[in-house]
Amino acid sequence: MTKFTNKIEYLAFRAEWKARYKELSQEIRETRAAIRAEQDGDRRSVLQGEKAYLRKQASRMMTSLDEAKVEANRQWLAEHSTKAAA
């Protein structure tokens, strides 16, 4: 679960998430290219395992982003509903 309590922290989380995801995505692309170029079957298997692990990490990152969006929306609604009630 992501930890942020205001918009500034949420935006910082998003910026950090985006940079990390960009790096991970590039690593997946490089691993995919290495698999295509590799002739040794054993090495290819290792690279395919690495790619599967990296893709699982990317999937987890997408899930955490979705959770963060839901939490940010919940916080926004809570803040605006209290302002409207006041």
Protein backbone atom coordinates (compact mmCIF):
# COMPACT_ATOMS: atom_id res chain seq x y z
CA MET A 1 0.00 0.00 0.00
CA THR A 2 1.31 3.42 -0.88
CA LYS A 3 1.82 6.01 1.80
CA PHE A 4 0.79 9.54 0.98
CA THR A 5 -1.47 11.95 2.75
CA ASN A 6 -1.76 14.87 0.37
CA LYS A 7 -1.57 15.85 -3.27
CA ILE A 8 2.11 16.83 -3.14
CA GLU A 9 3.10 13.44 -1.72
CA TYR A 10 0.88 11.70 -4.28
CA LEU A 11 2.47 13.59 -7.16
CA ALA A 12 5.94 12.74 -5.80
CA PHE A 13 4.89 9.08 -5.62
CA ARG A 14 3.67 9.22 -9.23
CA ALA A 15 6.91 10.82 -10.45
CA GLU A 16 9.02 8.20 -8.66
CA TRP A 17 6.74 5.41 -9.91
CA LYS A 18 6.98 6.66 -13.48
CA ALA A 19 10.79 6.78 -13.40
CA ARG A 20 11.04 3.29 -11.90
CA TYR A 21 8.52 1.87 -14.39
CA LYS A 22 10.40 3.45 -17.30
CA GLU A 23 13.63 1.77 -16.16
CA LEU A 24 11.89 -1.57 -15.68
CA SER A 25 10.25 -1.35 -19.08
CA GLN A 26 13.60 -0.65 -20.72
CA GLU A 27 15.14 -3.61 -18.90
CA ILE A 28 12.35 -5.87 -20.17
CA ARG A 29 12.96 -4.65 -23.74
CA GLU A 30 16.70 -5.27 -23.43
CA THR A 31 16.11 -8.75 -22.03
CA ARG A 32 13.70 -9.54 -24.87
CA ALA A 33 16.32 -8.43 -27.40
CA ALA A 34 18.98 -10.54 -25.68
CA ILE A 35 16.70 -13.58 -25.85
CA ARG A 36 16.26 -13.10 -29.59
CA ALA A 37 20.02 -12.72 -30.11
CA GLU A 38 21.09 -15.61 -27.87
CA GLN A 39 22.01 -18.88 -29.56
CA ASP A 40 22.73 -20.96 -26.44
CA GLY A 41 19.53 -22.70 -25.31
CA ASP A 42 20.50 -22.76 -21.62
CA ARG A 43 21.30 -19.05 -21.58
CA ARG A 44 18.04 -18.33 -23.41
CA SER A 45 16.14 -20.19 -20.71
CA VAL A 46 17.80 -18.11 -18.02
CA LEU A 47 16.95 -14.91 -19.89
CA GLN A 48 13.35 -16.02 -20.34
CA GLY A 49 13.12 -16.60 -16.59
CA GLU A 50 14.51 -13.13 -15.98
CA LYS A 51 12.00 -11.64 -18.39
CA ALA A 52 9.13 -13.42 -16.66
CA TYR A 53 10.32 -12.07 -13.30
CA LEU A 54 10.63 -8.53 -14.66
CA ARG A 55 7.16 -8.71 -16.21
CA LYS A 56 5.73 -9.86 -12.87
CA GLN A 57 7.39 -6.86 -11.23
CA ALA A 58 5.84 -4.58 -13.87
CA SER A 59 2.45 -6.11 -13.20
CA ARG A 60 2.84 -5.49 -9.47
CA MET A 61 3.82 -1.90 -10.17
CA MET A 62 0.68 -1.41 -12.26
CA THR A 63 -1.40 -2.84 -9.42
CA SER A 64 0.23 -0.48 -6.93
CA LEU A 65 -0.46 2.46 -9.25
CA ASP A 66 -4.12 1.47 -9.50
CA GLU A 67 -4.31 1.24 -5.70
CA ALA A 68 -2.65 4.64 -5.37
CA LYS A 69 -5.15 6.20 -7.78
CA VAL A 70 -8.05 4.78 -5.80
CA GLU A 71 -6.55 6.07 -2.54
CA ALA A 72 -5.88 9.51 -4.01
CA ASN A 73 -9.45 9.69 -5.24
CA ARG A 74 -10.73 8.61 -1.81
CA GLN A 75 -8.67 11.33 -0.14
CA TRP A 76 -9.83 13.94 -2.63
CA LEU A 77 -13.48 13.02 -2.12
CA ALA A 78 -13.06 13.07 1.66
CA GLU A 79 -11.43 16.51 1.54
CA HIS A 80 -14.04 17.96 -0.79
CA SER A 81 -17.01 16.45 0.99
CA THR A 82 -15.88 18.02 4.28
CA LYS A 83 -15.45 21.38 2.56
CA ALA A 84 -18.94 21.12 1.07
CA ALA A 85 -20.41 20.17 4.44
CA ALA A 86 -18.77 23.14 6.17
